[in-house]
Amino acid sequence: MTDFYTIVEKVKKTGKLEKGTNEVTKAIERGTAKLVVVASDVDPKEITHHLSILCKEKGIKFGEVDSKQKLGISAGLPVKCSSVAVIESGEADKDINNLK
């Protein structure tokens, strides 16, 4: 089982990511997101709480990781990142398809 950090790193190199809660929300609403990954250490929780609900409504895969710091690093950012959306999966296509 590939973890979400690995998927985000693969997509960063070979596909397309949207980063940050506002961009992720837009990607979900447009239906362009294939996978949304949210950091569980976001405070307050309300910042990203709506993302899992939107994903469920739209049938978009959703994952949670433990660290904003690590998610930012995986997404190639010099800062912490609360959430990312995979727009084009690139070489992570198979990994994403294998997610439940």
PDB file of N, CA and C in Angstrom:
ATOM      1  N   MET A   1       0.843  -1.197   0.000  1.00  0.00           N
ATOM      2  CA  MET A   1       0.000   0.000   0.000  1.00  0.00           C
ATOM      3  C   MET A   1       0.882   1.253   0.000  1.00  0.00           C
ATOM      4  N   THR A   2       0.756   2.042  -1.015  1.00  0.00           N
ATOM      5  CA  THR A   2       1.522   3.290  -1.124  1.00  0.00           C
ATOM      6  C   THR A   2       0.906   4.338  -0.200  1.00  0.00           C
ATOM      7  N   ASP A   3       1.741   5.089   0.496  1.00  0.00           N
ATOM      8  CA  ASP A   3       1.156   6.109   1.366  1.00  0.00           C
ATOM      9  C   ASP A   3       0.913   7.405   0.596  1.00  0.00           C
ATOM     10  N   PHE A   4       0.113   8.275   1.203  1.00  0.00           N
ATOM     11  CA  PHE A   4      -0.304   9.507   0.531  1.00  0.00           C
ATOM     12  C   PHE A   4       0.866  10.445   0.256  1.00  0.00           C
ATOM     13  N   TYR A   5       1.861  10.463   1.154  1.00  0.00           N
ATOM     14  CA  TYR A   5       3.026  11.322   0.912  1.00  0.00           C
ATOM     15  C   TYR A   5       3.731  10.899  -0.376  1.00  0.00           C
ATOM     16  N   THR A   6       3.879   9.595  -0.566  1.00  0.00           N
ATOM     17  CA  THR A   6       4.556   9.072  -1.758  1.00  0.00           C
ATOM     18  C   THR A   6       3.770   9.436  -3.010  1.00  0.00           C
ATOM     19  N   ILE A   7       2.448   9.297  -2.939  1.00  0.00           N
ATOM     20  CA  ILE A   7       1.600   9.642  -4.085  1.00  0.00           C
ATOM     21  C   ILE A   7       1.764  11.130  -4.430  1.00  0.00           C
ATOM     22  N   VAL A   8       1.705  11.983  -3.398  1.00  0.00           N
ATOM     23  CA  VAL A   8       1.845  13.430  -3.626  1.00  0.00           C
ATOM     24  C   VAL A   8       3.200  13.752  -4.257  1.00  0.00           C
ATOM     25  N   GLU A   9       4.271  13.102  -3.773  1.00  0.00           N
ATOM     26  CA  GLU A   9       5.600  13.318  -4.353  1.00  0.00           C
ATOM     27  C   GLU A   9       5.656  12.902  -5.820  1.00  0.00           C
ATOM     28  N   LYS A  10       5.071  11.737  -6.120  1.00  0.00           N
ATOM     29  CA  LYS A  10       5.055  11.251  -7.508  1.00  0.00           C
ATOM     30  C   LYS A  10       4.315  12.231  -8.401  1.00  0.00           C
ATOM     31  N   VAL A  11       3.161  12.693  -7.921  1.00  0.00           N
ATOM     32  CA  VAL A  11       2.352  13.625  -8.714  1.00  0.00           C
ATOM     33  C   VAL A  11       3.098  14.940  -8.916  1.00  0.00           C
ATOM     34  N   LYS A  12       3.793  15.409  -7.879  1.00  0.00           N
ATOM     35  CA  LYS A  12       4.558  16.645  -7.985  1.00  0.00           C
ATOM     36  C   LYS A  12       5.558  16.537  -9.137  1.00  0.00           C
ATOM     37  N   LYS A  13       6.180  15.361  -9.281  1.00  0.00           N
ATOM     38  CA  LYS A  13       7.198  15.179 -10.319  1.00  0.00           C
ATOM     39  C   LYS A  13       6.594  14.928 -11.702  1.00  0.00           C
ATOM     40  N   THR A  14       5.450  14.226 -11.773  1.00  0.00           N
ATOM     41  CA  THR A  14       4.977  13.748 -13.080  1.00  0.00           C
ATOM     42  C   THR A  14       3.567  14.189 -13.442  1.00  0.00           C
ATOM     43  N   GLY A  15       2.871  14.825 -12.516  1.00  0.00           N
ATOM     44  CA  GLY A  15       1.482  15.217 -12.794  1.00  0.00           C
ATOM     45  C   GLY A  15       1.240  16.664 -12.423  1.00  0.00           C
ATOM     46  N   LYS A  16       0.059  16.941 -11.858  1.00  0.00           N
ATOM     47  CA  LYS A  16      -0.289  18.315 -11.481  1.00  0.00           C
ATOM     48  C   LYS A  16      -1.028  18.320 -10.153  1.00  0.00           C
ATOM     49  N   LEU A  17      -0.585  19.213  -9.248  1.00  0.00           N
ATOM     50  CA  LEU A  17      -1.196  19.360  -7.919  1.00  0.00           C
ATOM     51  C   LEU A  17      -1.780  20.755  -7.755  1.00  0.00           C
ATOM     52  N   GLU A  18      -2.872  20.857  -7.026  1.00  0.00           N
ATOM     53  CA  GLU A  18      -3.320  22.149  -6.517  1.00  0.00           C
ATOM     54  C   GLU A  18      -2.998  22.128  -5.035  1.00  0.00           C
ATOM     55  N   LYS A  19      -2.479  23.247  -4.510  1.00  0.00           N
ATOM     56  CA  LYS A  19      -2.059  23.280  -3.113  1.00  0.00           C
ATOM     57  C   LYS A  19      -2.809  24.372  -2.366  1.00  0.00           C
ATOM     58  N   GLY A  20      -3.150  24.092  -1.119  1.00  0.00           N
ATOM     59  CA  GLY A  20      -3.855  25.076  -0.305  1.00  0.00           C
ATOM     60  C   GLY A  20      -5.354  24.855  -0.338  1.00  0.00           C
ATOM     61  N   THR A  21      -5.997  25.126   0.769  1.00  0.00           N
ATOM     62  CA  THR A  21      -7.412  24.790   0.927  1.00  0.00           C
ATOM     63  C   THR A  21      -8.315  25.469  -0.101  1.00  0.00           C
ATOM     64  N   ASN A  22      -8.058  26.741  -0.422  1.00  0.00           N
ATOM     65  CA  ASN A  22      -8.920  27.425  -1.394  1.00  0.00           C
ATOM     66  C   ASN A  22      -8.830  26.789  -2.772  1.00  0.00           C
ATOM     67  N   GLU A  23      -7.606  26.520  -3.223  1.00  0.00           N
ATOM     68  CA  GLU A  23      -7.415  25.892  -4.539  1.00  0.00           C
ATOM     69  C   GLU A  23      -7.990  24.477  -4.557  1.00  0.00           C
ATOM     70  N   VAL A  24      -7.812  23.751  -3.458  1.00  0.00           N
ATOM     71  CA  VAL A  24      -8.325  22.388  -3.365  1.00  0.00           C
ATOM     72  C   VAL A  24      -9.853  22.401  -3.419  1.00  0.00           C
ATOM     73  N   THR A  25     -10.462  23.329  -2.690  1.00  0.00           N
ATOM     74  CA  THR A  25     -11.929  23.449  -2.696  1.00  0.00           C
ATOM     75  C   THR A  25     -12.435  23.699  -4.118  1.00  0.00           C
ATOM     76  N   LYS A  26     -11.779  24.612  -4.838  1.00  0.00           N
ATOM     77  CA  LYS A  26     -12.180  24.911  -6.219  1.00  0.00           C
ATOM     78  C   LYS A  26     -12.045  23.683  -7.112  1.00  0.00           C
ATOM     79  N   ALA A  27     -10.943  22.948  -6.934  1.00  0.00           N
ATOM     80  CA  ALA A  27     -10.709  21.753  -7.754  1.00  0.00           C
ATOM     81  C   ALA A  27     -11.802  20.701  -7.517  1.00  0.00           C
ATOM     82  N   ILE A  28     -12.231  20.561  -6.257  1.00  0.00           N
ATOM     83  CA  ILE A  28     -13.301  19.605  -5.933  1.00  0.00           C
ATOM     84  C   ILE A  28     -14.599  20.064  -6.587  1.00  0.00           C
ATOM     85  N   GLU A  29     -14.915  21.343  -6.425  1.00  0.00           N
ATOM     86  CA  GLU A  29     -16.168  21.871  -6.972  1.00  0.00           C
ATOM     87  C   GLU A  29     -16.213  21.782  -8.491  1.00  0.00           C
ATOM     88  N   ARG A  30     -15.061  21.978  -9.131  1.00  0.00           N
ATOM     89  CA  ARG A  30     -14.993  21.866 -10.599  1.00  0.00           C
ATOM     90  C   ARG A  30     -14.998  20.408 -11.060  1.00  0.00           C
ATOM     91  N   GLY A  31     -14.722  19.506 -10.119  1.00  0.00           N
ATOM     92  CA  GLY A  31     -14.665  18.092 -10.480  1.00  0.00           C
ATOM     93  C   GLY A  31     -13.349  17.708 -11.128  1.00  0.00           C
ATOM     94  N   THR A  32     -12.308  18.535 -10.964  1.00  0.00           N
ATOM     95  CA  THR A  32     -11.010  18.215 -11.579  1.00  0.00           C
ATOM     96  C   THR A  32     -10.109  17.421 -10.636  1.00  0.00           C
ATOM     97  N   ALA A  33     -10.443  17.372  -9.345  1.00  0.00           N
ATOM     98  CA  ALA A  33      -9.601  16.659  -8.375  1.00  0.00           C
ATOM     99  C   ALA A  33      -9.838  15.154  -8.470  1.00  0.00           C
ATOM    100  N   LYS A  34      -8.740  14.388  -8.511  1.00  0.00           N
ATOM    101  CA  LYS A  34      -8.839  12.921  -8.513  1.00  0.00           C
ATOM    102  C   LYS A  34      -8.659  12.362  -7.105  1.00  0.00           C
ATOM    103  N   LEU A  35      -7.887  13.106  -6.309  1.00  0.00           N
ATOM    104  CA  LEU A  35      -7.587  12.697  -4.938  1.00  0.00           C
ATOM    105  C   LEU A  35      -7.308  13.958  -4.140  1.00  0.00           C
ATOM    106  N   VAL A  36      -7.851  14.008  -2.922  1.00  0.00           N
ATOM    107  CA  VAL A  36      -7.579  15.124  -2.028  1.00  0.00           C
ATOM    108  C   VAL A  36      -6.896  14.565  -0.789  1.00  0.00           C
ATOM    109  N   VAL A  37      -5.795  15.200  -0.383  1.00  0.00           N
ATOM    110  CA  VAL A  37      -5.072  14.782   0.818  1.00  0.00           C
ATOM    111  C   VAL A  37      -5.022  15.966   1.774  1.00  0.00           C
ATOM    112  N   VAL A  38      -5.432  15.699   3.020  1.00  0.00           N
ATOM    113  CA  VAL A  38      -5.518  16.744   4.036  1.00  0.00           C
ATOM    114  C   VAL A  38      -4.641  16.360   5.228  1.00  0.00           C
ATOM    115  N   ALA A  39      -3.985  17.356   5.822  1.00  0.00           N
ATOM    116  CA  ALA A  39      -3.183  17.118   7.030  1.00  0.00           C
ATOM    117  C   ALA A  39      -4.110  17.147   8.247  1.00  0.00           C
ATOM    118  N   SER A  40      -3.951  16.171   9.137  1.00  0.00           N
ATOM    119  CA  SER A  40      -4.833  16.085  10.308  1.00  0.00           C
ATOM    120  C   SER A  40      -4.424  17.031  11.424  1.00  0.00           C
ATOM    121  N   ASP A  41      -3.224  17.639  11.317  1.00  0.00           N
ATOM    122  CA  ASP A  41      -2.786  18.551  12.382  1.00  0.00           C
ATOM    123  C   ASP A  41      -3.109  20.020  12.080  1.00  0.00           C
ATOM    124  N   VAL A  42      -4.094  20.247  11.202  1.00  0.00           N
ATOM    125  CA  VAL A  42      -4.527  21.608  10.906  1.00  0.00           C
ATOM    126  C   VAL A  42      -5.339  22.130  12.092  1.00  0.00           C
ATOM    127  N   ASP A  43      -5.071  23.377  12.465  1.00  0.00           N
ATOM    128  CA  ASP A  43      -5.792  23.955  13.594  1.00  0.00           C
ATOM    129  C   ASP A  43      -6.183  25.386  13.232  1.00  0.00           C
ATOM    130  N   PRO A  44      -7.436  25.777  13.287  1.00  0.00           N
ATOM    131  CA  PRO A  44      -8.594  24.970  13.689  1.00  0.00           C
ATOM    132  C   PRO A  44      -9.039  23.999  12.585  1.00  0.00           C
ATOM    133  N   LYS A  45      -9.678  22.926  13.001  1.00  0.00           N
ATOM    134  CA  LYS A  45     -10.137  21.872  12.081  1.00  0.00           C
ATOM    135  C   LYS A  45     -11.084  22.413  11.004  1.00  0.00           C
ATOM    136  N   GLU A  46     -11.823  23.484  11.321  1.00  0.00           N
ATOM    137  CA  GLU A  46     -12.806  24.041  10.384  1.00  0.00           C
ATOM    138  C   GLU A  46     -12.183  24.429   9.047  1.00  0.00           C
ATOM    139  N   ILE A  47     -10.876  24.711   9.050  1.00  0.00           N
ATOM    140  CA  ILE A  47     -10.197  25.137   7.822  1.00  0.00           C
ATOM    141  C   ILE A  47     -10.351  24.081   6.723  1.00  0.00           C
ATOM    142  N   THR A  48     -10.201  22.810   7.096  1.00  0.00           N
ATOM    143  CA  THR A  48     -10.240  21.751   6.084  1.00  0.00           C
ATOM    144  C   THR A  48     -11.422  20.790   6.252  1.00  0.00           C
ATOM    145  N   HIS A  49     -12.231  21.012   7.269  1.00  0.00           N
ATOM    146  CA  HIS A  49     -13.321  20.075   7.587  1.00  0.00           C
ATOM    147  C   HIS A  49     -14.267  19.824   6.418  1.00  0.00           C
ATOM    148  N   HIS A  50     -14.572  20.877   5.652  1.00  0.00           N
ATOM    149  CA  HIS A  50     -15.535  20.754   4.544  1.00  0.00           C
ATOM    150  C   HIS A  50     -15.010  19.894   3.392  1.00  0.00           C
ATOM    151  N   LEU A  51     -13.697  19.705   3.308  1.00  0.00           N
ATOM    152  CA  LEU A  51     -13.132  19.004   2.149  1.00  0.00           C
ATOM    153  C   LEU A  51     -13.574  17.539   2.069  1.00  0.00           C
ATOM    154  N   SER A  52     -13.594  16.852   3.224  1.00  0.00           N
ATOM    155  CA  SER A  52     -13.997  15.438   3.193  1.00  0.00           C
ATOM    156  C   SER A  52     -15.468  15.307   2.789  1.00  0.00           C
ATOM    157  N   ILE A  53     -16.291  16.254   3.229  1.00  0.00           N
ATOM    158  CA  ILE A  53     -17.725  16.233   2.890  1.00  0.00           C
ATOM    159  C   ILE A  53     -17.912  16.463   1.392  1.00  0.00           C
ATOM    160  N   LEU A  54     -17.220  17.473   0.857  1.00  0.00           N
ATOM    161  CA  LEU A  54     -17.298  17.751  -0.580  1.00  0.00           C
ATOM    162  C   LEU A  54     -16.832  16.550  -1.406  1.00  0.00           C
ATOM    163  N   CYS A  55     -15.729  15.928  -0.965  1.00  0.00           N
ATOM    164  CA  CYS A  55     -15.206  14.767  -1.690  1.00  0.00           C
ATOM    165  C   CYS A  55     -16.226  13.635  -1.723  1.00  0.00           C
ATOM    166  N   LYS A  56     -16.864  13.394  -0.581  1.00  0.00           N
ATOM    167  CA  LYS A  56     -17.867  12.342  -0.502  1.00  0.00           C
ATOM    168  C   LYS A  56     -19.015  12.632  -1.474  1.00  0.00           C
ATOM    169  N   GLU A  57     -19.484  13.878  -1.489  1.00  0.00           N
ATOM    170  CA  GLU A  57     -20.585  14.280  -2.381  1.00  0.00           C
ATOM    171  C   GLU A  57     -20.224  14.079  -3.847  1.00  0.00           C
ATOM    172  N   LYS A  58     -18.965  14.396  -4.193  1.00  0.00           N
ATOM    173  CA  LYS A  58     -18.538  14.349  -5.595  1.00  0.00           C
ATOM    174  C   LYS A  58     -17.918  13.011  -5.985  1.00  0.00           C
ATOM    175  N   GLY A  59     -17.769  12.095  -5.011  1.00  0.00           N
ATOM    176  CA  GLY A  59     -17.165  10.801  -5.314  1.00  0.00           C
ATOM    177  C   GLY A  59     -15.665  10.893  -5.585  1.00  0.00           C
ATOM    178  N   ILE A  60     -14.997  11.821  -4.912  1.00  0.00           N
ATOM    179  CA  ILE A  60     -13.556  12.001  -5.088  1.00  0.00           C
ATOM    180  C   ILE A  60     -12.833  11.309  -3.932  1.00  0.00           C
ATOM    181  N   LYS A  61     -11.753  10.604  -4.253  1.00  0.00           N
ATOM    182  CA  LYS A  61     -10.988   9.910  -3.212  1.00  0.00           C
ATOM    183  C   LYS A  61     -10.385  10.918  -2.240  1.00  0.00           C
ATOM    184  N   PHE A  62     -10.341  10.524  -0.969  1.00  0.00           N
ATOM    185  CA  PHE A  62      -9.915  11.433   0.089  1.00  0.00           C
ATOM    186  C   PHE A  62      -8.961  10.710   1.024  1.00  0.00           C
ATOM    187  N   GLY A  63      -7.885  11.384   1.392  1.00  0.00           N
ATOM    188  CA  GLY A  63      -6.941  10.776   2.324  1.00  0.00           C
ATOM    189  C   GLY A  63      -6.487  11.774   3.358  1.00  0.00           C
ATOM    190  N   GLU A  64      -6.028  11.252   4.481  1.00  0.00           N
ATOM    191  CA  GLU A  64      -5.545  12.113   5.546  1.00  0.00           C
ATOM    192  C   GLU A  64      -4.133  11.703   5.932  1.00  0.00           C
ATOM    193  N   VAL A  65      -3.285  12.691   6.147  1.00  0.00           N
ATOM    194  CA  VAL A  65      -1.916  12.443   6.607  1.00  0.00           C
ATOM    195  C   VAL A  65      -1.740  13.142   7.950  1.00  0.00           C
ATOM    196  N   ASP A  66      -0.654  12.810   8.651  1.00  0.00           N
ATOM    197  CA  ASP A  66      -0.515  13.308  10.016  1.00  0.00           C
ATOM    198  C   ASP A  66       0.143  14.681  10.124  1.00  0.00           C
ATOM    199  N   SER A  67       0.791  15.170   9.061  1.00  0.00           N
ATOM    200  CA  SER A  67       1.628  16.353   9.233  1.00  0.00           C
ATOM    201  C   SER A  67       1.555  17.357   8.083  1.00  0.00           C
ATOM    202  N   LYS A  68       1.245  18.613   8.401  1.00  0.00           N
ATOM    203  CA  LYS A  68       1.254  19.704   7.411  1.00  0.00           C
ATOM    204  C   LYS A  68       2.669  19.898   6.891  1.00  0.00           C
ATOM    205  N   GLN A  69       3.639  19.770   7.813  1.00  0.00           N
ATOM    206  CA  GLN A  69       5.043  19.951   7.463  1.00  0.00           C
ATOM    207  C   GLN A  69       5.442  18.955   6.370  1.00  0.00           C
ATOM    208  N   LYS A  70       5.154  17.656   6.625  1.00  0.00           N
ATOM    209  CA  LYS A  70       5.534  16.609   5.668  1.00  0.00           C
ATOM    210  C   LYS A  70       4.739  16.734   4.367  1.00  0.00           C
ATOM    211  N   LEU A  71       3.477  17.163   4.475  1.00  0.00           N
ATOM    212  CA  LEU A  71       2.664  17.322   3.262  1.00  0.00           C
ATOM    213  C   LEU A  71       3.236  18.438   2.396  1.00  0.00           C
ATOM    214  N   GLY A  72       3.653  19.532   3.034  1.00  0.00           N
ATOM    215  CA  GLY A  72       4.294  20.625   2.298  1.00  0.00           C
ATOM    216  C   GLY A  72       5.554  20.169   1.593  1.00  0.00           C
ATOM    217  N   ILE A  73       6.379  19.397   2.299  1.00  0.00           N
ATOM    218  CA  ILE A  73       7.622  18.870   1.722  1.00  0.00           C
ATOM    219  C   ILE A  73       7.307  17.949   0.530  1.00  0.00           C
ATOM    220  N   SER A  74       6.342  17.056   0.696  1.00  0.00           N
ATOM    221  CA  SER A  74       5.955  16.140  -0.390  1.00  0.00           C
ATOM    222  C   SER A  74       5.468  16.898  -1.616  1.00  0.00           C
ATOM    223  N   ALA A  75       4.781  18.019  -1.367  1.00  0.00           N
ATOM    224  CA  ALA A  75       4.234  18.815  -2.475  1.00  0.00           C
ATOM    225  C   ALA A  75       5.280  19.761  -3.057  1.00  0.00           C
ATOM    226  N   GLY A  76       6.496  19.721  -2.513  1.00  0.00           N
ATOM    227  CA  GLY A  76       7.578  20.545  -3.038  1.00  0.00           C
ATOM    228  C   GLY A  76       7.507  21.991  -2.583  1.00  0.00           C
ATOM    229  N   LEU A  77       6.889  22.245  -1.443  1.00  0.00           N
ATOM    230  CA  LEU A  77       6.752  23.606  -0.931  1.00  0.00           C
ATOM    231  C   LEU A  77       7.762  23.877   0.182  1.00  0.00           C
ATOM    232  N   PRO A  78       8.187  25.144   0.304  1.00  0.00           N
ATOM    233  CA  PRO A  78       9.097  25.498   1.395  1.00  0.00           C
ATOM    234  C   PRO A  78       8.333  25.772   2.701  1.00  0.00           C
ATOM    235  N   VAL A  79       7.013  25.619   2.659  1.00  0.00           N
ATOM    236  CA  VAL A  79       6.166  25.908   3.830  1.00  0.00           C
ATOM    237  C   VAL A  79       5.232  24.728   4.110  1.00  0.00           C
ATOM    238  N   LYS A  80       4.575  24.774   5.274  1.00  0.00           N
ATOM    239  CA  LYS A  80       3.586  23.749   5.608  1.00  0.00           C
ATOM    240  C   LYS A  80       2.392  23.867   4.664  1.00  0.00           C
ATOM    241  N   CYS A  81       1.696  22.764   4.463  1.00  0.00           N
ATOM    242  CA  CYS A  81       0.563  22.745   3.550  1.00  0.00           C
ATOM    243  C   CYS A  81      -0.578  21.954   4.180  1.00  0.00           C
ATOM    244  N   SER A  82      -1.750  22.574   4.273  1.00  0.00           N
ATOM    245  CA  SER A  82      -2.879  21.919   4.942  1.00  0.00           C
ATOM    246  C   SER A  82      -3.561  20.888   4.051  1.00  0.00           C
ATOM    247  N   SER A  83      -3.574  21.136   2.735  1.00  0.00           N
ATOM    248  CA  SER A  83      -4.250  20.203   1.837  1.00  0.00           C
ATOM    249  C   SER A  83      -3.732  20.337   0.409  1.00  0.00           C
ATOM    250  N   VAL A  84      -3.819  19.231  -0.325  1.00  0.00           N
ATOM    251  CA  VAL A  84      -3.468  19.230  -1.754  1.00  0.00           C
ATOM    252  C   VAL A  84      -4.515  18.415  -2.508  1.00  0.00           C
ATOM    253  N   ALA A  85      -4.669  18.762  -3.785  1.00  0.00           N
ATOM    254  CA  ALA A  85      -5.552  17.990  -4.657  1.00  0.00           C
ATOM    255  C   ALA A  85      -4.738  17.535  -5.857  1.00  0.00           C
ATOM    256  N   VAL A  86      -4.901  16.277  -6.225  1.00  0.00           N
ATOM    257  CA  VAL A  86      -4.260  15.743  -7.419  1.00  0.00           C
ATOM    258  C   VAL A  86      -5.173  16.057  -8.599  1.00  0.00           C
ATOM    259  N   ILE A  87      -4.647  16.795  -9.580  1.00  0.00           N
ATOM    260  CA  ILE A  87      -5.424  17.164 -10.769  1.00  0.00           C
ATOM    261  C   ILE A  87      -5.081  16.213 -11.918  1.00  0.00           C
ATOM    262  N   GLU A  88      -3.779  16.051 -12.155  1.00  0.00           N
ATOM    263  CA  GLU A  88      -3.318  15.060 -13.132  1.00  0.00           C
ATOM    264  C   GLU A  88      -2.394  14.114 -12.389  1.00  0.00           C
ATOM    265  N   SER A  89      -2.739  12.841 -12.408  1.00  0.00           N
ATOM    266  CA  SER A  89      -2.034  11.891 -11.542  1.00  0.00           C
ATOM    267  C   SER A  89      -0.651  11.490 -12.038  1.00  0.00           C
ATOM    268  N   GLY A  90      -0.340  11.693 -13.303  1.00  0.00           N
ATOM    269  CA  GLY A  90       0.987  11.339 -13.810  1.00  0.00           C
ATOM    270  C   GLY A  90       1.307   9.879 -13.524  1.00  0.00           C
ATOM    271  N   GLU A  91       2.499   9.601 -13.006  1.00  0.00           N
ATOM    272  CA  GLU A  91       2.914   8.219 -12.734  1.00  0.00           C
ATOM    273  C   GLU A  91       2.253   7.627 -11.495  1.00  0.00           C
ATOM    274  N   ALA A  92       1.482   8.433 -10.757  1.00  0.00           N
ATOM    275  CA  ALA A  92       0.811   7.929  -9.553  1.00  0.00           C
ATOM    276  C   ALA A  92      -0.577   7.375  -9.872  1.00  0.00           C
ATOM    277  N   ASP A  93      -0.908   7.311 -11.154  1.00  0.00           N
ATOM    278  CA  ASP A  93      -2.228   6.858 -11.592  1.00  0.00           C
ATOM    279  C   ASP A  93      -2.644   5.526 -10.966  1.00  0.00           C
ATOM    280  N   LYS A  94      -1.753   4.532 -11.074  1.00  0.00           N
ATOM    281  CA  LYS A  94      -2.045   3.201 -10.537  1.00  0.00           C
ATOM    282  C   LYS A  94      -2.236   3.248  -9.020  1.00  0.00           C
ATOM    283  N   ASP A  95      -1.365   4.010  -8.337  1.00  0.00           N
ATOM    284  CA  ASP A  95      -1.453   4.132  -6.870  1.00  0.00           C
ATOM    285  C   ASP A  95      -2.804   4.705  -6.464  1.00  0.00           C
ATOM    286  N   ILE A  96      -3.250   5.713  -7.174  1.00  0.00           N
ATOM    287  CA  ILE A  96      -4.527   6.351  -6.853  1.00  0.00           C
ATOM    288  C   ILE A  96      -5.691   5.409  -7.128  1.00  0.00           C
ATOM    289  N   ASN A  97      -5.622   4.718  -8.258  1.00  0.00           N
ATOM    290  CA  ASN A  97      -6.691   3.760  -8.600  1.00  0.00           C
ATOM    291  C   ASN A  97      -6.798   2.633  -7.584  1.00  0.00           C
ATOM    292  N   ASN A  98      -5.677   2.285  -6.959  1.00  0.00           N
ATOM    293  CA  ASN A  98      -5.678   1.196  -5.984  1.00  0.00           C
ATOM    294  C   ASN A  98      -6.202   1.609  -4.606  1.00  0.00           C
ATOM    295  N   LEU A  99      -6.411   2.912  -4.405  1.00  0.00           N
ATOM    296  CA  LEU A  99      -6.930   3.371  -3.108  1.00  0.00           C
ATOM    297  C   LEU A  99      -8.382   2.956  -2.962  1.00  0.00           C
ATOM    298  N   LYS A 100      -8.785   2.705  -1.746  1.00  0.00           N
ATOM    299  CA  LYS A 100     -10.180   2.297  -1.487  1.00  0.00           C
ATOM    300  C   LYS A 100     -11.084   3.516  -1.589  1.00  0.00           C
TER     301      LYS A 100
END
